[in-house]
Amino acid sequence: MGLEVESRPSDSPYIERVWRSRSDGVDQMMAVAAARWDLVFWEHRGQVSVAVVGPETKAGHAPVPEESMFFGISFSIGTSMPHLPVNRLVDDVAEIPDATRRSFWLKGSSWRLPDYDNAEAFVRRMVREDVLALDPVVAAVLRGATPDVSERTLQRRFVAATGLTRGAIRQIDRARQAAVLIQGGTPVHEVIHLLGYFDQPHLARSLTRYVGRTATQLLGHRDPQKPLSLLYKA
């Protein structure tokens, strides 16, 4: 009973993570803040739905349809669909209408529903048909490179490609990493040192805002009635 989640990394530069889940006896979850956007497919009582879920700047409660199956592609930072700008989807969801068990419409074309095992092939088609783009400057910065553009230009490109500033992305990703470490048994004082928090109150504020749990709650018994959304070691 609860929310069963499985995920895997990808070798595609456009994909951060591929995931799937099933709900059973749970109607709400804590959606953890995320700097990336997702394309999500789910089936509930025979009805298939598709939506683009934008970046989320803080944790919050989210409904979970009873006994539903979900599949999603979490896209890498800097990846976007130019016809549906991600900076308009921050803390928002855009539903894609007229989905069936076999197909859905995207940018005027019919697309077969992807699944957990063929997500990369689906994304390759998105790239071929200019539905998906990756900002090379943003991608280079995230790899540690120093591009030959001004700081102002760089910030503008980050916001255009991600909907968020670099600072916001760092804060969200750091809190997510802290939660993974704490759940894995890393002592709180080590997490503070490893991730550059000032002190324990600083970490506590970050976890509360971005994860919706305190360190004590992350270490304690997990509530199957209100589980966390996808968290993983980067």
C-alpha atoms as a PDB file:
ATOM      1  CA  MET A   1       0.000   0.000   0.000  1.00  0.00           C
ATOM      2  CA  GLY A   2       1.273   3.467  -0.871  1.00  0.00           C
ATOM      3  CA  LEU A   3       3.136   4.871  -3.851  1.00  0.00           C
ATOM      4  CA  GLU A   4       5.573   2.470  -5.494  1.00  0.00           C
ATOM      5  CA  VAL A   5       8.186   4.329  -7.567  1.00  0.00           C
ATOM      6  CA  GLU A   6      10.858   2.936  -9.881  1.00  0.00           C
ATOM      7  CA  SER A   7      13.320   5.069 -11.833  1.00  0.00           C
ATOM      8  CA  ARG A   8      16.448   4.841 -13.962  1.00  0.00           C
ATOM      9  CA  PRO A   9      19.039   7.234 -15.378  1.00  0.00           C
ATOM     10  CA  SER A  10      19.452   7.735 -19.124  1.00  0.00           C
ATOM     11  CA  ASP A  11      22.381   8.160 -21.479  1.00  0.00           C
ATOM     12  CA  SER A  12      20.448  10.761 -23.471  1.00  0.00           C
ATOM     13  CA  PRO A  13      21.671  14.343 -22.958  1.00  0.00           C
ATOM     14  CA  TYR A  14      18.031  15.428 -23.042  1.00  0.00           C
ATOM     15  CA  ILE A  15      16.820  13.137 -20.249  1.00  0.00           C
ATOM     16  CA  GLU A  16      17.605  13.367 -16.549  1.00  0.00           C
ATOM     17  CA  ARG A  17      15.509  10.419 -15.391  1.00  0.00           C
ATOM     18  CA  VAL A  18      12.828   7.993 -16.548  1.00  0.00           C
ATOM     19  CA  TRP A  19      10.359   6.830 -13.920  1.00  0.00           C
ATOM     20  CA  ARG A  20       7.149   4.926 -13.345  1.00  0.00           C
ATOM     21  CA  SER A  21       4.911   4.433 -10.367  1.00  0.00           C
ATOM     22  CA  ARG A  22       1.720   2.854  -9.139  1.00  0.00           C
ATOM     23  CA  SER A  23      -0.595   4.136  -6.421  1.00  0.00           C
ATOM     24  CA  ASP A  24      -2.528   1.902  -4.066  1.00  0.00           C
ATOM     25  CA  GLY A  25      -4.491   3.179  -1.103  1.00  0.00           C
ATOM     26  CA  VAL A  26      -2.974   6.661  -1.180  1.00  0.00           C
ATOM     27  CA  ASP A  27      -4.695   9.834  -2.338  1.00  0.00           C
ATOM     28  CA  GLN A  28      -2.044  12.473  -1.636  1.00  0.00           C
ATOM     29  CA  MET A  29       1.722  12.881  -1.783  1.00  0.00           C
ATOM     30  CA  MET A  30       4.290  15.511  -0.897  1.00  0.00           C
ATOM     31  CA  ALA A  31       5.578  16.834  -4.216  1.00  0.00           C
ATOM     32  CA  VAL A  32       9.223  17.761  -3.677  1.00  0.00           C
ATOM     33  CA  ALA A  33      10.536  20.901  -5.400  1.00  0.00           C
ATOM     34  CA  ALA A  34      12.188  20.146  -8.743  1.00  0.00           C
ATOM     35  CA  ALA A  35      14.272  22.261 -11.106  1.00  0.00           C
ATOM     36  CA  ARG A  36      13.361  20.068 -14.074  1.00  0.00           C
ATOM     37  CA  TRP A  37      10.136  19.651 -16.024  1.00  0.00           C
ATOM     38  CA  ASP A  38       8.450  16.337 -16.757  1.00  0.00           C
ATOM     39  CA  LEU A  39       6.245  14.861 -19.434  1.00  0.00           C
ATOM     40  CA  VAL A  40       3.859  12.632 -17.494  1.00  0.00           C
ATOM     41  CA  PHE A  41       1.431   9.934 -18.643  1.00  0.00           C
ATOM     42  CA  TRP A  42      -1.042   8.191 -16.355  1.00  0.00           C
ATOM     43  CA  GLU A  43      -3.982   5.846 -16.526  1.00  0.00           C
ATOM     44  CA  HIS A  44      -6.871   5.988 -14.089  1.00  0.00           C
ATOM     45  CA  ARG A  45      -9.990   3.849 -14.477  1.00  0.00           C
ATOM     46  CA  GLY A  46      -9.213   3.244 -18.136  1.00  0.00           C
ATOM     47  CA  GLN A  47      -8.702   6.921 -18.942  1.00  0.00           C
ATOM     48  CA  VAL A  48      -5.245   7.992 -20.177  1.00  0.00           C
ATOM     49  CA  SER A  49      -4.015  11.506 -19.454  1.00  0.00           C
ATOM     50  CA  VAL A  50      -0.896  13.393 -20.514  1.00  0.00           C
ATOM     51  CA  ALA A  51       0.537  16.574 -19.031  1.00  0.00           C
ATOM     52  CA  VAL A  52       3.651  18.708 -18.976  1.00  0.00           C
ATOM     53  CA  VAL A  53       4.566  19.356 -15.341  1.00  0.00           C
ATOM     54  CA  GLY A  54       6.721  22.438 -14.951  1.00  0.00           C
ATOM     55  CA  PRO A  55       9.533  23.045 -12.460  1.00  0.00           C
ATOM     56  CA  GLU A  56       8.329  23.363  -8.872  1.00  0.00           C
ATOM     57  CA  THR A  57       9.934  25.975  -6.640  1.00  0.00           C
ATOM     58  CA  LYS A  58       8.689  24.614  -3.315  1.00  0.00           C
ATOM     59  CA  ALA A  59       7.288  21.446  -1.823  1.00  0.00           C
ATOM     60  CA  GLY A  60       3.529  21.056  -1.668  1.00  0.00           C
ATOM     61  CA  HIS A  61       0.736  18.528  -1.312  1.00  0.00           C
ATOM     62  CA  ALA A  62      -0.447  16.978  -4.561  1.00  0.00           C
ATOM     63  CA  PRO A  63      -3.425  14.679  -5.195  1.00  0.00           C
ATOM     64  CA  VAL A  64      -2.815  11.106  -6.364  1.00  0.00           C
ATOM     65  CA  PRO A  65      -5.633   9.396  -8.284  1.00  0.00           C
ATOM     66  CA  GLU A  66      -6.570   6.141  -6.586  1.00  0.00           C
ATOM     67  CA  GLU A  67      -5.137   2.940  -8.118  1.00  0.00           C
ATOM     68  CA  SER A  68      -3.412   4.706 -10.991  1.00  0.00           C
ATOM     69  CA  MET A  69      -0.311   3.931 -13.033  1.00  0.00           C
ATOM     70  CA  PHE A  70       2.133   6.686 -13.970  1.00  0.00           C
ATOM     71  CA  PHE A  71       5.056   6.991 -16.348  1.00  0.00           C
ATOM     72  CA  GLY A  72       7.221  10.058 -16.777  1.00  0.00           C
ATOM     73  CA  ILE A  73      10.270  11.516 -18.460  1.00  0.00           C
ATOM     74  CA  SER A  74      12.174  14.074 -16.404  1.00  0.00           C
ATOM     75  CA  PHE A  75      14.121  16.267 -18.813  1.00  0.00           C
ATOM     76  CA  SER A  76      17.618  17.602 -18.199  1.00  0.00           C
ATOM     77  CA  ILE A  77      18.117  21.221 -17.244  1.00  0.00           C
ATOM     78  CA  GLY A  78      18.398  23.358 -20.371  1.00  0.00           C
ATOM     79  CA  THR A  79      16.033  21.144 -22.370  1.00  0.00           C
ATOM     80  CA  SER A  80      12.774  22.719 -23.464  1.00  0.00           C
ATOM     81  CA  MET A  81       9.916  22.570 -25.951  1.00  0.00           C
ATOM     82  CA  PRO A  82      10.110  25.961 -27.704  1.00  0.00           C
ATOM     83  CA  HIS A  83       6.415  25.891 -28.606  1.00  0.00           C
ATOM     84  CA  LEU A  84       5.564  25.494 -24.898  1.00  0.00           C
ATOM     85  CA  PRO A  85       8.092  27.684 -23.040  1.00  0.00           C
ATOM     86  CA  VAL A  86       9.084  26.188 -19.709  1.00  0.00           C
ATOM     87  CA  ASN A  87       9.344  29.634 -18.113  1.00  0.00           C
ATOM     88  CA  ARG A  88       5.546  29.839 -18.397  1.00  0.00           C
ATOM     89  CA  LEU A  89       5.116  26.523 -16.618  1.00  0.00           C
ATOM     90  CA  VAL A  90       6.936  27.157 -13.349  1.00  0.00           C
ATOM     91  CA  ASP A  91       4.703  25.837 -10.552  1.00  0.00           C
ATOM     92  CA  ASP A  92       2.097  24.927 -13.145  1.00  0.00           C
ATOM     93  CA  VAL A  93       0.827  22.064 -15.293  1.00  0.00           C
ATOM     94  CA  ALA A  94      -0.243  22.042 -18.949  1.00  0.00           C
ATOM     95  CA  GLU A  95      -2.579  19.176 -19.787  1.00  0.00           C
ATOM     96  CA  ILE A  96      -2.460  17.726 -23.302  1.00  0.00           C
ATOM     97  CA  PRO A  97      -6.011  16.856 -24.436  1.00  0.00           C
ATOM     98  CA  ASP A  98      -7.400  13.940 -26.444  1.00  0.00           C
ATOM     99  CA  ALA A  99      -4.972  11.260 -25.281  1.00  0.00           C
ATOM    100  CA  THR A 100      -5.863   7.585 -25.825  1.00  0.00           C
ATOM    101  CA  ARG A 101      -4.216   4.358 -24.733  1.00  0.00           C
ATOM    102  CA  ARG A 102      -2.193   4.375 -27.946  1.00  0.00           C
ATOM    103  CA  SER A 103      -1.510   7.949 -28.906  1.00  0.00           C
ATOM    104  CA  PHE A 104      -1.716  11.641 -28.114  1.00  0.00           C
ATOM    105  CA  TRP A 105      -1.298  14.900 -30.003  1.00  0.00           C
ATOM    106  CA  LEU A 106       1.788  17.078 -29.622  1.00  0.00           C
ATOM    107  CA  LYS A 107       2.532  20.181 -31.714  1.00  0.00           C
ATOM    108  CA  GLY A 108       0.024  19.208 -34.376  1.00  0.00           C
ATOM    109  CA  SER A 109       1.171  15.588 -34.841  1.00  0.00           C
ATOM    110  CA  SER A 110       0.048  12.239 -33.523  1.00  0.00           C
ATOM    111  CA  TRP A 111       2.537  10.456 -31.285  1.00  0.00           C
ATOM    112  CA  ARG A 112       2.488   6.909 -29.972  1.00  0.00           C
ATOM    113  CA  LEU A 113       2.578   6.779 -26.204  1.00  0.00           C
ATOM    114  CA  PRO A 114       6.111   6.016 -25.038  1.00  0.00           C
ATOM    115  CA  ASP A 115       6.876   3.679 -22.167  1.00  0.00           C
ATOM    116  CA  TYR A 116       9.538   3.074 -19.547  1.00  0.00           C
ATOM    117  CA  ASP A 117      11.779   1.130 -21.941  1.00  0.00           C
ATOM    118  CA  ASN A 118      11.560   3.222 -25.119  1.00  0.00           C
ATOM    119  CA  ALA A 119      11.687   6.761 -23.711  1.00  0.00           C
ATOM    120  CA  GLU A 120      14.988   7.479 -25.478  1.00  0.00           C
ATOM    121  CA  ALA A 121      13.587   6.585 -28.906  1.00  0.00           C
ATOM    122  CA  PHE A 122      10.590   8.810 -28.235  1.00  0.00           C
ATOM    123  CA  VAL A 123      12.843  11.726 -27.263  1.00  0.00           C
ATOM    124  CA  ARG A 124      15.034  11.211 -30.353  1.00  0.00           C
ATOM    125  CA  ARG A 125      11.922  11.717 -32.478  1.00  0.00           C
ATOM    126  CA  MET A 126      11.103  14.878 -30.515  1.00  0.00           C
ATOM    127  CA  VAL A 127      14.565  16.213 -31.359  1.00  0.00           C
ATOM    128  CA  ARG A 128      14.348  15.202 -35.048  1.00  0.00           C
ATOM    129  CA  GLU A 129      11.011  16.974 -35.435  1.00  0.00           C
ATOM    130  CA  ASP A 130      12.210  20.123 -33.628  1.00  0.00           C
ATOM    131  CA  VAL A 131       9.801  19.634 -30.745  1.00  0.00           C
ATOM    132  CA  LEU A 132      12.660  19.513 -28.246  1.00  0.00           C
ATOM    133  CA  ALA A 133      15.758  21.703 -27.948  1.00  0.00           C
ATOM    134  CA  LEU A 134      18.746  21.888 -25.611  1.00  0.00           C
ATOM    135  CA  ASP A 135      20.494  25.180 -24.871  1.00  0.00           C
ATOM    136  CA  PRO A 136      24.206  24.366 -25.357  1.00  0.00           C
ATOM    137  CA  VAL A 137      25.370  27.228 -23.143  1.00  0.00           C
ATOM    138  CA  VAL A 138      23.226  26.135 -20.193  1.00  0.00           C
ATOM    139  CA  ALA A 139      24.330  22.524 -20.677  1.00  0.00           C
ATOM    140  CA  ALA A 140      27.999  23.579 -20.807  1.00  0.00           C
ATOM    141  CA  VAL A 141      27.741  25.601 -17.594  1.00  0.00           C
ATOM    142  CA  LEU A 142      26.161  22.656 -15.781  1.00  0.00           C
ATOM    143  CA  ARG A 143      29.139  20.532 -16.888  1.00  0.00           C
ATOM    144  CA  GLY A 144      31.472  23.069 -15.278  1.00  0.00           C
ATOM    145  CA  ALA A 145      32.522  25.003 -18.383  1.00  0.00           C
ATOM    146  CA  THR A 146      32.907  28.787 -18.508  1.00  0.00           C
ATOM    147  CA  PRO A 147      31.198  30.045 -21.677  1.00  0.00           C
ATOM    148  CA  ASP A 148      32.272  33.235 -23.404  1.00  0.00           C
ATOM    149  CA  VAL A 149      29.134  35.217 -22.598  1.00  0.00           C
ATOM    150  CA  SER A 150      28.370  37.884 -20.034  1.00  0.00           C
ATOM    151  CA  GLU A 151      26.850  37.002 -16.678  1.00  0.00           C
ATOM    152  CA  ARG A 152      23.723  38.917 -17.628  1.00  0.00           C
ATOM    153  CA  THR A 153      23.377  36.954 -20.859  1.00  0.00           C
ATOM    154  CA  LEU A 154      23.964  33.717 -19.004  1.00  0.00           C
ATOM    155  CA  GLN A 155      21.271  34.474 -16.442  1.00  0.00           C
ATOM    156  CA  ARG A 156      18.850  35.396 -19.203  1.00  0.00           C
ATOM    157  CA  ARG A 157      19.505  32.106 -21.027  1.00  0.00           C
ATOM    158  CA  PHE A 158      19.032  30.103 -17.822  1.00  0.00           C
ATOM    159  CA  VAL A 159      15.673  31.710 -17.154  1.00  0.00           C
ATOM    160  CA  ALA A 160      14.572  31.256 -20.780  1.00  0.00           C
ATOM    161  CA  ALA A 161      15.605  27.593 -20.864  1.00  0.00           C
ATOM    162  CA  THR A 162      14.576  26.558 -17.363  1.00  0.00           C
ATOM    163  CA  GLY A 163      12.195  29.176 -15.960  1.00  0.00           C
ATOM    164  CA  LEU A 164      14.551  29.500 -12.981  1.00  0.00           C
ATOM    165  CA  THR A 165      17.713  31.360 -12.058  1.00  0.00           C
ATOM    166  CA  ARG A 166      20.951  29.454 -11.500  1.00  0.00           C
ATOM    167  CA  GLY A 167      20.697  30.272  -7.809  1.00  0.00           C
ATOM    168  CA  ALA A 168      17.224  28.762  -7.534  1.00  0.00           C
ATOM    169  CA  ILE A 169      18.348  25.614  -9.344  1.00  0.00           C
ATOM    170  CA  ARG A 170      21.304  25.205  -6.981  1.00  0.00           C
ATOM    171  CA  GLN A 171      19.129  25.633  -3.893  1.00  0.00           C
ATOM    172  CA  ILE A 172      16.512  23.129  -5.069  1.00  0.00           C
ATOM    173  CA  ASP A 173      19.071  20.515  -6.120  1.00  0.00           C
ATOM    174  CA  ARG A 174      21.036  20.945  -2.889  1.00  0.00           C
ATOM    175  CA  ALA A 175      17.946  20.372  -0.745  1.00  0.00           C
ATOM    176  CA  ARG A 176      17.022  17.279  -2.751  1.00  0.00           C
ATOM    177  CA  GLN A 177      20.546  15.939  -2.352  1.00  0.00           C
ATOM    178  CA  ALA A 178      20.453  16.646   1.375  1.00  0.00           C
ATOM    179  CA  ALA A 179      17.203  14.686   1.695  1.00  0.00           C
ATOM    180  CA  VAL A 180      18.672  11.697  -0.169  1.00  0.00           C
ATOM    181  CA  LEU A 181      21.769  11.725   2.040  1.00  0.00           C
ATOM    182  CA  ILE A 182      19.769  11.969   5.260  1.00  0.00           C
ATOM    183  CA  GLN A 183      17.420   9.170   4.199  1.00  0.00           C
ATOM    184  CA  GLY A 184      20.503   7.110   3.413  1.00  0.00           C
ATOM    185  CA  GLY A 185      21.839   7.543   6.945  1.00  0.00           C
ATOM    186  CA  THR A 186      24.405  10.331   6.537  1.00  0.00           C
ATOM    187  CA  PRO A 187      24.597  12.289   9.815  1.00  0.00           C
ATOM    188  CA  VAL A 188      23.060  15.746   9.646  1.00  0.00           C
ATOM    189  CA  HIS A 189      26.309  17.499  10.626  1.00  0.00           C
ATOM    190  CA  GLU A 190      28.070  15.780   7.706  1.00  0.00           C
ATOM    191  CA  VAL A 191      25.321  16.830   5.293  1.00  0.00           C
ATOM    192  CA  ILE A 192      25.724  20.445   6.449  1.00  0.00           C
ATOM    193  CA  HIS A 193      29.478  20.277   5.772  1.00  0.00           C
ATOM    194  CA  LEU A 194      29.268  18.373   2.493  1.00  0.00           C
ATOM    195  CA  LEU A 195      26.662  20.619   0.908  1.00  0.00           C
ATOM    196  CA  GLY A 196      27.775  23.986   2.270  1.00  0.00           C
ATOM    197  CA  TYR A 197      24.905  24.879   4.560  1.00  0.00           C
ATOM    198  CA  PHE A 198      25.757  27.497   7.196  1.00  0.00           C
ATOM    199  CA  ASP A 199      24.333  25.533  10.105  1.00  0.00           C
ATOM    200  CA  GLN A 200      21.514  23.206  11.132  1.00  0.00           C
ATOM    201  CA  PRO A 201      18.783  25.910  11.069  1.00  0.00           C
ATOM    202  CA  HIS A 202      19.844  26.789   7.516  1.00  0.00           C
ATOM    203  CA  LEU A 203      19.488  23.140   6.482  1.00  0.00           C
ATOM    204  CA  ALA A 204      16.165  22.872   8.309  1.00  0.00           C
ATOM    205  CA  ARG A 205      14.711  25.872   6.474  1.00  0.00           C
ATOM    206  CA  SER A 206      15.874  24.500   3.138  1.00  0.00           C
ATOM    207  CA  LEU A 207      14.393  21.041   3.743  1.00  0.00           C
ATOM    208  CA  THR A 208      11.089  22.466   4.921  1.00  0.00           C
ATOM    209  CA  ARG A 209      10.764  24.740   1.888  1.00  0.00           C
ATOM    210  CA  TYR A 210      11.946  22.403  -0.847  1.00  0.00           C
ATOM    211  CA  VAL A 211      11.276  18.878   0.482  1.00  0.00           C
ATOM    212  CA  GLY A 212       8.397  19.398   2.883  1.00  0.00           C
ATOM    213  CA  ARG A 213      10.054  17.309   5.592  1.00  0.00           C
ATOM    214  CA  THR A 214      12.421  17.990   8.463  1.00  0.00           C
ATOM    215  CA  ALA A 215      15.598  15.975   8.947  1.00  0.00           C
ATOM    216  CA  THR A 216      13.913  14.130  11.814  1.00  0.00           C
ATOM    217  CA  GLN A 217      10.949  13.219   9.609  1.00  0.00           C
ATOM    218  CA  LEU A 218      13.261  12.009   6.846  1.00  0.00           C
ATOM    219  CA  LEU A 219      15.059   9.769   9.321  1.00  0.00           C
ATOM    220  CA  GLY A 220      11.891   8.453  10.921  1.00  0.00           C
ATOM    221  CA  HIS A 221       9.207   6.070   9.756  1.00  0.00           C
ATOM    222  CA  ARG A 222       7.961   7.018   6.311  1.00  0.00           C
ATOM    223  CA  ASP A 223       4.263   7.769   6.082  1.00  0.00           C
ATOM    224  CA  PRO A 224       2.751   5.499   3.379  1.00  0.00           C
ATOM    225  CA  GLN A 225      -0.382   7.637   3.368  1.00  0.00           C
ATOM    226  CA  LYS A 226       1.525  10.764   2.326  1.00  0.00           C
ATOM    227  CA  PRO A 227       4.707   9.640   0.523  1.00  0.00           C
ATOM    228  CA  LEU A 228       7.340  11.858  -1.056  1.00  0.00           C
ATOM    229  CA  SER A 229       7.551  12.239  -4.815  1.00  0.00           C
ATOM    230  CA  LEU A 230      10.595  10.983  -6.704  1.00  0.00           C
ATOM    231  CA  LEU A 231      13.933  11.516  -4.960  1.00  0.00           C
ATOM    232  CA  TYR A 232      17.141   9.961  -6.257  1.00  0.00           C
ATOM    233  CA  LYS A 233      20.893  10.218  -5.963  1.00  0.00           C
ATOM    234  CA  ALA A 234      22.185  12.449  -8.770  1.00  0.00           C
END
